[in-house]
PDB file of all heavy atoms in Angstrom:
ATOM      1  N   PRO A   1     -11.803 -18.545  -0.466  1.00  0.00           N
ATOM      2  CA  PRO A   1     -10.500 -18.203  -0.966  1.00  0.00           C
ATOM      3  C   PRO A   1     -10.456 -16.861  -1.745  1.00  0.00           C
ATOM      4  O   PRO A   1      -9.585 -16.082  -1.508  1.00  0.00           O
ATOM      5  CB  PRO A   1     -10.083 -19.387  -1.892  1.00  0.00           C
ATOM      6  CG  PRO A   1     -11.085 -20.410  -1.698  1.00  0.00           C
ATOM      7  CD  PRO A   1     -12.235 -19.861  -0.979  1.00  0.00           C
ATOM      8  N   THR A   2     -11.367 -16.715  -2.714  1.00  0.00           N
ATOM      9  CA  THR A   2     -11.260 -15.547  -3.561  1.00  0.00           C
ATOM     10  C   THR A   2     -11.449 -14.273  -2.704  1.00  0.00           C
ATOM     11  O   THR A   2     -10.695 -13.263  -2.909  1.00  0.00           O
ATOM     12  CB  THR A   2     -12.283 -15.583  -4.639  1.00  0.00           C
ATOM     13  OG1 THR A   2     -12.136 -16.792  -5.364  1.00  0.00           O
ATOM     14  CG2 THR A   2     -12.129 -14.476  -5.653  1.00  0.00           C
ATOM     15  N   TYR A   3     -12.444 -14.158  -1.929  1.00  0.00           N
ATOM     16  CA  TYR A   3     -12.757 -12.996  -1.131  1.00  0.00           C
ATOM     17  C   TYR A   3     -11.584 -12.735  -0.106  1.00  0.00           C
ATOM     18  O   TYR A   3     -11.113 -11.602   0.009  1.00  0.00           O
ATOM     19  CB  TYR A   3     -14.061 -13.134  -0.412  1.00  0.00           C
ATOM     20  CG  TYR A   3     -14.659 -11.897   0.235  1.00  0.00           C
ATOM     21  CD1 TYR A   3     -14.573 -10.724  -0.365  1.00  0.00           C
ATOM     22  CD2 TYR A   3     -15.265 -11.974   1.473  1.00  0.00           C
ATOM     23  CE1 TYR A   3     -15.098  -9.559   0.190  1.00  0.00           C
ATOM     24  CE2 TYR A   3     -15.773 -10.864   2.078  1.00  0.00           C
ATOM     25  CZ  TYR A   3     -15.714  -9.648   1.442  1.00  0.00           C
ATOM     26  OH  TYR A   3     -16.209  -8.555   2.007  1.00  0.00           O
ATOM     27  N   ALA A   4     -11.124 -13.814   0.511  1.00  0.00           N
ATOM     28  CA  ALA A   4     -10.029 -13.614   1.500  1.00  0.00           C
ATOM     29  C   ALA A   4      -8.764 -13.095   0.786  1.00  0.00           C
ATOM     30  O   ALA A   4      -8.108 -12.164   1.337  1.00  0.00           O
ATOM     31  CB  ALA A   4      -9.833 -14.924   2.235  1.00  0.00           C
ATOM     32  N   ILE A   5      -8.416 -13.734  -0.298  1.00  0.00           N
ATOM     33  CA  ILE A   5      -7.157 -13.394  -0.927  1.00  0.00           C
ATOM     34  C   ILE A   5      -7.270 -11.949  -1.496  1.00  0.00           C
ATOM     35  O   ILE A   5      -6.292 -11.157  -1.404  1.00  0.00           O
ATOM     36  CB  ILE A   5      -6.795 -14.348  -2.058  1.00  0.00           C
ATOM     37  CG1 ILE A   5      -6.373 -15.689  -1.481  1.00  0.00           C
ATOM     38  CG2 ILE A   5      -5.712 -13.763  -2.986  1.00  0.00           C
ATOM     39  CD1 ILE A   5      -6.235 -16.786  -2.494  1.00  0.00           C
ATOM     40  N   SER A   6      -8.455 -11.522  -1.979  1.00  0.00           N
ATOM     41  CA  SER A   6      -8.589 -10.223  -2.504  1.00  0.00           C
ATOM     42  C   SER A   6      -8.389  -9.181  -1.343  1.00  0.00           C
ATOM     43  O   SER A   6      -7.778  -8.113  -1.520  1.00  0.00           O
ATOM     44  CB  SER A   6      -9.876 -10.021  -3.275  1.00  0.00           C
ATOM     45  OG  SER A   6     -10.972 -10.217  -2.390  1.00  0.00           O
ATOM     46  N   ILE A   7      -8.908  -9.491  -0.229  1.00  0.00           N
ATOM     47  CA  ILE A   7      -8.738  -8.567   0.936  1.00  0.00           C
ATOM     48  C   ILE A   7      -7.284  -8.549   1.413  1.00  0.00           C
ATOM     49  O   ILE A   7      -6.737  -7.501   1.688  1.00  0.00           O
ATOM     50  CB  ILE A   7      -9.690  -8.969   2.105  1.00  0.00           C
ATOM     51  CG1 ILE A   7     -11.125  -8.737   1.713  1.00  0.00           C
ATOM     52  CG2 ILE A   7      -9.362  -8.248   3.386  1.00  0.00           C
ATOM     53  CD1 ILE A   7     -12.117  -9.297   2.688  1.00  0.00           C
ATOM     54  N   VAL A   8      -6.682  -9.723   1.401  1.00  0.00           N
ATOM     55  CA  VAL A   8      -5.210  -9.791   1.832  1.00  0.00           C
ATOM     56  C   VAL A   8      -4.375  -8.989   0.867  1.00  0.00           C
ATOM     57  O   VAL A   8      -3.512  -8.171   1.295  1.00  0.00           O
ATOM     58  CB  VAL A   8      -4.796 -11.271   1.866  1.00  0.00           C
ATOM     59  CG1 VAL A   8      -3.224 -11.345   1.927  1.00  0.00           C
ATOM     60  CG2 VAL A   8      -5.379 -11.983   3.036  1.00  0.00           C
ATOM     61  N   LEU A   9      -4.603  -9.103  -0.409  1.00  0.00           N
ATOM     62  CA  LEU A   9      -3.761  -8.370  -1.387  1.00  0.00           C
ATOM     63  C   LEU A   9      -4.015  -6.857  -1.303  1.00  0.00           C
ATOM     64  O   LEU A   9      -3.068  -6.045  -1.444  1.00  0.00           O
ATOM     65  CB  LEU A   9      -4.032  -8.915  -2.789  1.00  0.00           C
ATOM     66  CG  LEU A   9      -3.559 -10.322  -3.043  1.00  0.00           C
ATOM     67  CD1 LEU A   9      -3.933 -10.801  -4.448  1.00  0.00           C
ATOM     68  CD2 LEU A   9      -2.102 -10.481  -2.767  1.00  0.00           C
ATOM     69  N   THR A  10      -5.271  -6.504  -1.093  1.00  0.00           N
ATOM     70  CA  THR A  10      -5.571  -5.042  -0.897  1.00  0.00           C
ATOM     71  C   THR A  10      -4.839  -4.520   0.347  1.00  0.00           C
ATOM     72  O   THR A  10      -4.295  -3.422   0.338  1.00  0.00           O
ATOM     73  CB  THR A  10      -7.069  -4.820  -0.828  1.00  0.00           C
ATOM     74  OG1 THR A  10      -7.646  -5.350  -2.056  1.00  0.00           O
ATOM     75  CG2 THR A  10      -7.407  -3.333  -0.754  1.00  0.00           C
ATOM     76  N   ALA A  11      -4.982  -5.247   1.430  1.00  0.00           N
ATOM     77  CA  ALA A  11      -4.311  -4.885   2.677  1.00  0.00           C
ATOM     78  C   ALA A  11      -2.750  -4.804   2.488  1.00  0.00           C
ATOM     79  O   ALA A  11      -2.118  -3.843   2.961  1.00  0.00           O
ATOM     80  CB  ALA A  11      -4.646  -5.846   3.820  1.00  0.00           C
ATOM     81  N   GLN A  12      -2.265  -5.715   1.692  1.00  0.00           N
ATOM     82  CA  GLN A  12      -0.808  -5.724   1.415  1.00  0.00           C
ATOM     83  C   GLN A  12      -0.459  -4.512   0.616  1.00  0.00           C
ATOM     84  O   GLN A  12       0.549  -3.817   0.939  1.00  0.00           O
ATOM     85  CB  GLN A  12      -0.513  -6.971   0.639  1.00  0.00           C
ATOM     86  CG  GLN A  12       0.961  -7.275   0.439  1.00  0.00           C
ATOM     87  CD  GLN A  12       1.168  -8.600  -0.259  1.00  0.00           C
ATOM     88  OE1 GLN A  12       0.240  -9.306  -0.621  1.00  0.00           O
ATOM     89  NE2 GLN A  12       2.392  -8.969  -0.386  1.00  0.00           N
ATOM     90  N   LEU A  13      -1.285  -4.160  -0.358  1.00  0.00           N
ATOM     91  CA  LEU A  13      -0.958  -2.944  -1.189  1.00  0.00           C
ATOM     92  C   LEU A  13      -1.091  -1.674  -0.346  1.00  0.00           C
ATOM     93  O   LEU A  13      -0.245  -0.800  -0.379  1.00  0.00           O
ATOM     94  CB  LEU A  13      -1.941  -2.874  -2.385  1.00  0.00           C
ATOM     95  CG  LEU A  13      -1.777  -1.746  -3.357  1.00  0.00           C
ATOM     96  CD1 LEU A  13      -0.381  -1.810  -3.983  1.00  0.00           C
ATOM     97  CD2 LEU A  13      -2.872  -1.824  -4.398  1.00  0.00           C
ATOM     98  N   GLY A  14      -2.128  -1.576   0.470  1.00  0.00           N
ATOM     99  CA  GLY A  14      -2.308  -0.395   1.310  1.00  0.00           C
ATOM    100  C   GLY A  14      -1.187  -0.269   2.288  1.00  0.00           C
ATOM    101  O   GLY A  14      -0.669   0.922   2.525  1.00  0.00           O
ATOM    102  N   THR A  15      -0.774  -1.328   2.875  1.00  0.00           N
ATOM    103  CA  THR A  15       0.324  -1.315   3.874  1.00  0.00           C
ATOM    104  C   THR A  15       1.663  -0.932   3.181  1.00  0.00           C
ATOM    105  O   THR A  15       2.415  -0.168   3.710  1.00  0.00           O
ATOM    106  CB  THR A  15       0.399  -2.646   4.565  1.00  0.00           C
ATOM    107  OG1 THR A  15      -0.798  -2.926   5.237  1.00  0.00           O
ATOM    108  CG2 THR A  15       1.548  -2.619   5.634  1.00  0.00           C
ATOM    109  N   ALA A  16       1.813  -1.488   2.014  1.00  0.00           N
ATOM    110  CA  ALA A  16       3.102  -1.172   1.228  1.00  0.00           C
ATOM    111  C   ALA A  16       3.114   0.345   0.916  1.00  0.00           C
ATOM    112  O   ALA A  16       4.185   0.968   1.048  1.00  0.00           O
ATOM    113  CB  ALA A  16       3.211  -2.016   0.015  1.00  0.00           C
ATOM    114  N   LEU A  17       1.958   0.865   0.555  1.00  0.00           N
ATOM    115  CA  LEU A  17       1.874   2.315   0.192  1.00  0.00           C
ATOM    116  C   LEU A  17       2.229   3.156   1.431  1.00  0.00           C
ATOM    117  O   LEU A  17       2.984   4.060   1.314  1.00  0.00           O
ATOM    118  CB  LEU A  17       0.494   2.618  -0.272  1.00  0.00           C
ATOM    119  CG  LEU A  17       0.136   4.148  -0.587  1.00  0.00           C
ATOM    120  CD1 LEU A  17       1.072   4.652  -1.634  1.00  0.00           C
ATOM    121  CD2 LEU A  17      -1.323   4.279  -0.940  1.00  0.00           C
ATOM    122  N   LEU A  18       1.710   2.724   2.590  1.00  0.00           N
ATOM    123  CA  LEU A  18       2.017   3.470   3.818  1.00  0.00           C
ATOM    124  C   LEU A  18       3.518   3.393   4.189  1.00  0.00           C
ATOM    125  O   LEU A  18       4.121   4.429   4.435  1.00  0.00           O
ATOM    126  CB  LEU A  18       1.175   2.853   4.981  1.00  0.00           C
ATOM    127  CG  LEU A  18       1.439   3.433   6.341  1.00  0.00           C
ATOM    128  CD1 LEU A  18       0.976   4.878   6.464  1.00  0.00           C
ATOM    129  CD2 LEU A  18       0.787   2.598   7.479  1.00  0.00           C
ATOM    130  N   TRP A  19       4.042   2.158   4.112  1.00  0.00           N
ATOM    131  CA  TRP A  19       5.453   2.023   4.495  1.00  0.00           C
ATOM    132  C   TRP A  19       6.400   2.720   3.507  1.00  0.00           C
ATOM    133  O   TRP A  19       7.390   3.374   3.899  1.00  0.00           O
ATOM    134  CB  TRP A  19       5.836   0.510   4.665  1.00  0.00           C
ATOM    135  CG  TRP A  19       5.221  -0.021   5.900  1.00  0.00           C
ATOM    136  CD1 TRP A  19       3.879  -0.421   6.069  1.00  0.00           C
ATOM    137  CD2 TRP A  19       5.941  -0.253   7.068  1.00  0.00           C
ATOM    138  NE1 TRP A  19       3.801  -0.859   7.397  1.00  0.00           N
ATOM    139  CE2 TRP A  19       4.960  -0.811   8.029  1.00  0.00           C
ATOM    140  CE3 TRP A  19       7.297  -0.119   7.581  1.00  0.00           C
ATOM    141  CZ2 TRP A  19       5.286  -1.174   9.331  1.00  0.00           C
ATOM    142  CZ3 TRP A  19       7.554  -0.455   8.870  1.00  0.00           C
ATOM    143  CH2 TRP A  19       6.560  -0.998   9.718  1.00  0.00           C
ATOM    144  N   ASP A  20       6.077   2.596   2.240  1.00  0.00           N
ATOM    145  CA  ASP A  20       6.951   3.295   1.224  1.00  0.00           C
ATOM    146  C   ASP A  20       6.790   4.807   1.384  1.00  0.00           C
ATOM    147  O   ASP A  20       7.818   5.537   1.306  1.00  0.00           O
ATOM    148  CB  ASP A  20       6.408   2.999  -0.211  1.00  0.00           C
ATOM    149  CG  ASP A  20       6.915   1.598  -0.782  1.00  0.00           C
ATOM    150  OD1 ASP A  20       7.902   1.079  -0.102  1.00  0.00           O
ATOM    151  OD2 ASP A  20       6.421   1.055  -1.761  1.00  0.00           O
ATOM    152  N   SER A  21       5.637   5.296   1.563  1.00  0.00           N
ATOM    153  CA  SER A  21       5.409   6.773   1.746  1.00  0.00           C
ATOM    154  C   SER A  21       6.151   7.332   2.977  1.00  0.00           C
ATOM    155  O   SER A  21       6.607   8.498   2.949  1.00  0.00           O
ATOM    156  CB  SER A  21       3.923   7.068   1.854  1.00  0.00           C
ATOM    157  OG  SER A  21       3.304   6.712   0.648  1.00  0.00           O
ATOM    158  N   LEU A  22       6.249   6.529   4.001  1.00  0.00           N
ATOM    159  CA  LEU A  22       6.893   7.029   5.244  1.00  0.00           C
ATOM    160  C   LEU A  22       8.379   6.707   5.310  1.00  0.00           C
ATOM    161  O   LEU A  22       9.070   7.192   6.142  1.00  0.00           O
ATOM    162  CB  LEU A  22       6.177   6.409   6.464  1.00  0.00           C
ATOM    163  CG  LEU A  22       4.673   6.859   6.605  1.00  0.00           C
ATOM    164  CD1 LEU A  22       3.981   6.110   7.783  1.00  0.00           C
ATOM    165  CD2 LEU A  22       4.608   8.400   6.854  1.00  0.00           C
ATOM    166  N   GLY A  23       8.795   5.722   4.422  1.00  0.00           N
ATOM    167  CA  GLY A  23      10.169   5.369   4.357  1.00  0.00           C
ATOM    168  C   GLY A  23      10.632   4.549   5.643  1.00  0.00           C
ATOM    169  O   GLY A  23      11.772   4.722   6.054  1.00  0.00           O
ATOM    170  N   TRP A  24       9.742   3.833   6.191  1.00  0.00           N
ATOM    171  CA  TRP A  24      10.077   3.114   7.485  1.00  0.00           C
ATOM    172  C   TRP A  24      10.945   1.842   7.211  1.00  0.00           C
ATOM    173  O   TRP A  24      10.958   1.365   6.093  1.00  0.00           O
ATOM    174  CB  TRP A  24       8.797   2.690   8.158  1.00  0.00           C
ATOM    175  CG  TRP A  24       8.063   3.830   8.870  1.00  0.00           C
ATOM    176  CD1 TRP A  24       8.485   5.091   9.039  1.00  0.00           C
ATOM    177  CD2 TRP A  24       6.701   3.745   9.397  1.00  0.00           C
ATOM    178  NE1 TRP A  24       7.541   5.823   9.673  1.00  0.00           N
ATOM    179  CE2 TRP A  24       6.483   5.037   9.877  1.00  0.00           C
ATOM    180  CE3 TRP A  24       5.786   2.772   9.498  1.00  0.00           C
ATOM    181  CZ2 TRP A  24       5.245   5.376  10.527  1.00  0.00           C
ATOM    182  CZ3 TRP A  24       4.553   3.104  10.142  1.00  0.00           C
ATOM    183  CH2 TRP A  24       4.307   4.362  10.607  1.00  0.00           C
ATOM    184  N   LEU A  25      11.639   1.487   8.222  1.00  0.00           N
ATOM    185  CA  LEU A  25      12.477   0.347   8.231  1.00  0.00           C
ATOM    186  C   LEU A  25      13.505   0.299   7.119  1.00  0.00           C
ATOM    187  O   LEU A  25      13.838  -0.717   6.498  1.00  0.00           O
ATOM    188  CB  LEU A  25      11.654  -1.036   8.199  1.00  0.00           C
ATOM    189  CG  LEU A  25      10.803  -1.274   9.433  1.00  0.00           C
ATOM    190  CD1 LEU A  25       9.967  -2.526   9.166  1.00  0.00           C
ATOM    191  CD2 LEU A  25      11.652  -1.461  10.668  1.00  0.00           C
ATOM    192  N   GLY A  26      14.001   1.461   6.821  1.00  0.00           N
ATOM    193  CA  GLY A  26      15.122   1.568   5.777  1.00  0.00           C
ATOM    194  C   GLY A  26      14.679   1.563   4.347  1.00  0.00           C
ATOM    195  O   GLY A  26      15.480   1.487   3.500  1.00  0.00           O
ATOM    196  N   LEU A  27      13.351   1.638   4.122  1.00  0.00           N
ATOM    197  CA  LEU A  27      12.870   1.667   2.742  1.00  0.00           C
ATOM    198  C   LEU A  27      13.091   3.040   2.175  1.00  0.00           C
ATOM    199  O   LEU A  27      13.126   4.113   2.876  1.00  0.00           O
ATOM    200  CB  LEU A  27      11.372   1.442   2.645  1.00  0.00           C
ATOM    201  CG  LEU A  27      10.912  -0.030   3.088  1.00  0.00           C
ATOM    202  CD1 LEU A  27       9.370  -0.095   3.087  1.00  0.00           C
ATOM    203  CD2 LEU A  27      11.465  -1.027   2.059  1.00  0.00           C
ATOM    204  N   GLU A  28      13.419   3.079   0.849  1.00  0.00           N
ATOM    205  CA  GLU A  28      13.481   4.383   0.197  1.00  0.00           C
ATOM    206  C   GLU A  28      12.110   5.094   0.233  1.00  0.00           C
ATOM    207  O   GLU A  28      11.106   4.494  -0.158  1.00  0.00           O
ATOM    208  CB  GLU A  28      13.923   4.162  -1.276  1.00  0.00           C
ATOM    209  CG  GLU A  28      14.113   5.441  -2.039  1.00  0.00           C
ATOM    210  CD  GLU A  28      14.516   5.176  -3.484  1.00  0.00           C
ATOM    211  OE1 GLU A  28      15.051   4.093  -3.796  1.00  0.00           O
ATOM    212  OE2 GLU A  28      14.164   6.040  -4.293  1.00  0.00           O
ATOM    213  N   LYS A  29      12.109   6.322   0.666  1.00  0.00           N
ATOM    214  CA  LYS A  29      10.925   7.046   0.765  1.00  0.00           C
ATOM    215  C   LYS A  29      10.350   7.414  -0.592  1.00  0.00           C
ATOM    216  O   LYS A  29      11.034   8.072  -1.370  1.00  0.00           O
ATOM    217  CB  LYS A  29      11.059   8.283   1.652  1.00  0.00           C
ATOM    218  CG  LYS A  29       9.791   8.968   2.116  1.00  0.00           C
ATOM    219  CD  LYS A  29      10.060  10.076   3.123  1.00  0.00           C
ATOM    220  CE  LYS A  29       8.719  10.654   3.553  1.00  0.00           C
ATOM    221  NZ  LYS A  29       8.879  11.658   4.564  1.00  0.00           N
ATOM    222  N   ILE A  30       9.158   6.988  -0.851  1.00  0.00           N
ATOM    223  CA  ILE A  30       8.484   7.273  -2.136  1.00  0.00           C
ATOM    224  C   ILE A  30       7.355   8.280  -1.817  1.00  0.00           C
ATOM    225  O   ILE A  30       6.486   7.948  -0.953  1.00  0.00           O
ATOM    226  CB  ILE A  30       7.977   6.011  -2.802  1.00  0.00           C
ATOM    227  CG1 ILE A  30       9.123   5.097  -3.125  1.00  0.00           C
ATOM    228  CG2 ILE A  30       7.157   6.340  -4.033  1.00  0.00           C
ATOM    229  CD1 ILE A  30       8.731   3.733  -3.601  1.00  0.00           C
ATOM    230  N   PRO A  31       7.284   9.384  -2.487  1.00  0.00           N
ATOM    231  CA  PRO A  31       6.267  10.335  -2.163  1.00  0.00           C
ATOM    232  C   PRO A  31       4.828   9.794  -2.326  1.00  0.00           C
ATOM    233  O   PRO A  31       4.506   9.079  -3.261  1.00  0.00           O
ATOM    234  CB  PRO A  31       6.469  11.497  -3.194  1.00  0.00           C
ATOM    235  CG  PRO A  31       7.831  11.269  -3.764  1.00  0.00           C
ATOM    236  CD  PRO A  31       8.172   9.834  -3.594  1.00  0.00           C
ATOM    237  N   PHE A  32       3.990  10.099  -1.331  1.00  0.00           N
ATOM    238  CA  PHE A  32       2.602   9.727  -1.323  1.00  0.00           C
ATOM    239  C   PHE A  32       1.861  10.642  -2.299  1.00  0.00           C
ATOM    240  O   PHE A  32       2.035  11.826  -2.389  1.00  0.00           O
ATOM    241  CB  PHE A  32       2.019   9.831   0.060  1.00  0.00           C
ATOM    242  CG  PHE A  32       0.466   9.554   0.048  1.00  0.00           C
ATOM    243  CD1 PHE A  32      -0.024   8.306   0.071  1.00  0.00           C
ATOM    244  CD2 PHE A  32      -0.389  10.679  -0.009  1.00  0.00           C
ATOM    245  CE1 PHE A  32      -1.390   8.053   0.106  1.00  0.00           C
ATOM    246  CE2 PHE A  32      -1.765  10.460   0.000  1.00  0.00           C
ATOM    247  CZ  PHE A  32      -2.260   9.117   0.056  1.00  0.00           C
ATOM    248  N   THR A  33       0.996  10.068  -3.191  1.00  0.00           N
ATOM    249  CA  THR A  33       0.151  10.839  -4.051  1.00  0.00           C
ATOM    250  C   THR A  33      -1.307  10.392  -3.954  1.00  0.00           C
ATOM    251  O   THR A  33      -1.529   9.211  -3.538  1.00  0.00           O
ATOM    252  CB  THR A  33       0.584  10.759  -5.539  1.00  0.00           C
ATOM    253  OG1 THR A  33       0.406   9.439  -5.953  1.00  0.00           O
ATOM    254  CG2 THR A  33       2.031  11.175  -5.747  1.00  0.00           C
ATOM    255  N   PHE A  34      -2.228  11.228  -4.216  1.00  0.00           N
ATOM    256  CA  PHE A  34      -3.666  10.900  -4.127  1.00  0.00           C
ATOM    257  C   PHE A  34      -3.939   9.879  -5.213  1.00  0.00           C
ATOM    258  O   PHE A  34      -4.889   9.119  -5.060  1.00  0.00           O
ATOM    259  CB  PHE A  34      -4.513  12.107  -4.129  1.00  0.00           C
ATOM    260  CG  PHE A  34      -4.578  12.812  -2.799  1.00  0.00           C
ATOM    261  CD1 PHE A  34      -3.837  13.944  -2.592  1.00  0.00           C
ATOM    262  CD2 PHE A  34      -5.276  12.263  -1.737  1.00  0.00           C
ATOM    263  CE1 PHE A  34      -3.838  14.568  -1.352  1.00  0.00           C
ATOM    264  CE2 PHE A  34      -5.237  12.866  -0.459  1.00  0.00           C
ATOM    265  CZ  PHE A  34      -4.563  14.023  -0.317  1.00  0.00           C
ATOM    266  N   THR A  35      -3.271   9.909  -6.326  1.00  0.00           N
ATOM    267  CA  THR A  35      -3.560   8.875  -7.328  1.00  0.00           C
ATOM    268  C   THR A  35      -3.240   7.482  -6.861  1.00  0.00           C
ATOM    269  O   THR A  35      -3.982   6.509  -7.242  1.00  0.00           O
ATOM    270  CB  THR A  35      -2.756   9.129  -8.665  1.00  0.00           C
ATOM    271  OG1 THR A  35      -1.314   9.261  -8.333  1.00  0.00           O
ATOM    272  CG2 THR A  35      -3.189  10.440  -9.349  1.00  0.00           C
ATOM    273  N   LYS A  36      -2.211   7.341  -6.031  1.00  0.00           N
ATOM    274  CA  LYS A  36      -1.940   6.030  -5.417  1.00  0.00           C
ATOM    275  C   LYS A  36      -3.047   5.600  -4.503  1.00  0.00           C
ATOM    276  O   LYS A  36      -3.494   4.488  -4.488  1.00  0.00           O
ATOM    277  CB  LYS A  36      -0.570   6.062  -4.723  1.00  0.00           C
ATOM    278  CG  LYS A  36       0.592   6.214  -5.667  1.00  0.00           C
ATOM    279  CD  LYS A  36       1.927   6.317  -4.916  1.00  0.00           C
ATOM    280  CE  LYS A  36       3.081   6.550  -5.921  1.00  0.00           C
ATOM    281  NZ  LYS A  36       4.302   6.790  -5.276  1.00  0.00           N
ATOM    282  N   LEU A  37      -3.544   6.610  -3.712  1.00  0.00           N
ATOM    283  CA  LEU A  37      -4.609   6.240  -2.803  1.00  0.00           C
ATOM    284  C   LEU A  37      -5.864   5.909  -3.551  1.00  0.00           C
ATOM    285  O   LEU A  37      -6.582   4.974  -3.147  1.00  0.00           O
ATOM    286  CB  LEU A  37      -4.922   7.481  -1.896  1.00  0.00           C
ATOM    287  CG  LEU A  37      -6.033   7.333  -0.933  1.00  0.00           C
ATOM    288  CD1 LEU A  37      -5.832   6.220   0.010  1.00  0.00           C
ATOM    289  CD2 LEU A  37      -6.275   8.663  -0.177  1.00  0.00           C
ATOM    290  N   ILE A  38      -6.159   6.628  -4.622  1.00  0.00           N
ATOM    291  CA  ILE A  38      -7.293   6.323  -5.466  1.00  0.00           C
ATOM    292  C   ILE A  38      -7.201   4.949  -6.060  1.00  0.00           C
ATOM    293  O   ILE A  38      -8.157   4.175  -6.109  1.00  0.00           O
ATOM    294  CB  ILE A  38      -7.476   7.421  -6.609  1.00  0.00           C
ATOM    295  CG1 ILE A  38      -7.919   8.755  -5.944  1.00  0.00           C
ATOM    296  CG2 ILE A  38      -8.502   6.936  -7.639  1.00  0.00           C
ATOM    297  CD1 ILE A  38      -7.909   9.909  -6.935  1.00  0.00           C
ATOM    298  N   GLY A  39      -6.010   4.510  -6.459  1.00  0.00           N
ATOM    299  CA  GLY A  39      -5.759   3.209  -6.914  1.00  0.00           C
ATOM    300  C   GLY A  39      -6.168   2.131  -5.905  1.00  0.00           C
ATOM    301  O   GLY A  39      -6.828   1.163  -6.246  1.00  0.00           O
ATOM    302  N   VAL A  40      -5.789   2.346  -4.713  1.00  0.00           N
ATOM    303  CA  VAL A  40      -6.121   1.395  -3.600  1.00  0.00           C
ATOM    304  C   VAL A  40      -7.594   1.422  -3.374  1.00  0.00           C
ATOM    305  O   VAL A  40      -8.276   0.334  -3.231  1.00  0.00           O
ATOM    306  CB  VAL A  40      -5.355   1.663  -2.334  1.00  0.00           C
ATOM    307  CG1 VAL A  40      -5.878   0.865  -1.156  1.00  0.00           C
ATOM    308  CG2 VAL A  40      -3.872   1.501  -2.494  1.00  0.00           C
ATOM    309  N   LEU A  41      -8.199   2.611  -3.406  1.00  0.00           N
ATOM    310  CA  LEU A  41      -9.745   2.637  -3.152  1.00  0.00           C
ATOM    311  C   LEU A  41     -10.432   2.061  -4.353  1.00  0.00           C
ATOM    312  O   LEU A  41     -11.501   1.453  -4.107  1.00  0.00           O
ATOM    313  CB  LEU A  41     -10.062   4.163  -3.020  1.00  0.00           C
ATOM    314  CG  LEU A  41      -9.541   4.845  -1.789  1.00  0.00           C
ATOM    315  CD1 LEU A  41      -9.888   6.319  -1.728  1.00  0.00           C
ATOM    316  CD2 LEU A  41     -10.038   4.169  -0.489  1.00  0.00           C
TER     317      LEU A  41
END
C-alpha cells in the first residue's frame, strides 16, 4: 500500500502539472516553472 500510493500520488501530481501547464480540457493555463518540476522530482 505505501509504495503504491506514493507512486500514484506522484503520478497524479506530475499529470496535474502537465495538464495545468498546457491548459488542456478547459483548465486555466498555469505557467510551467522549473521549481514546480523540481518539486515533483
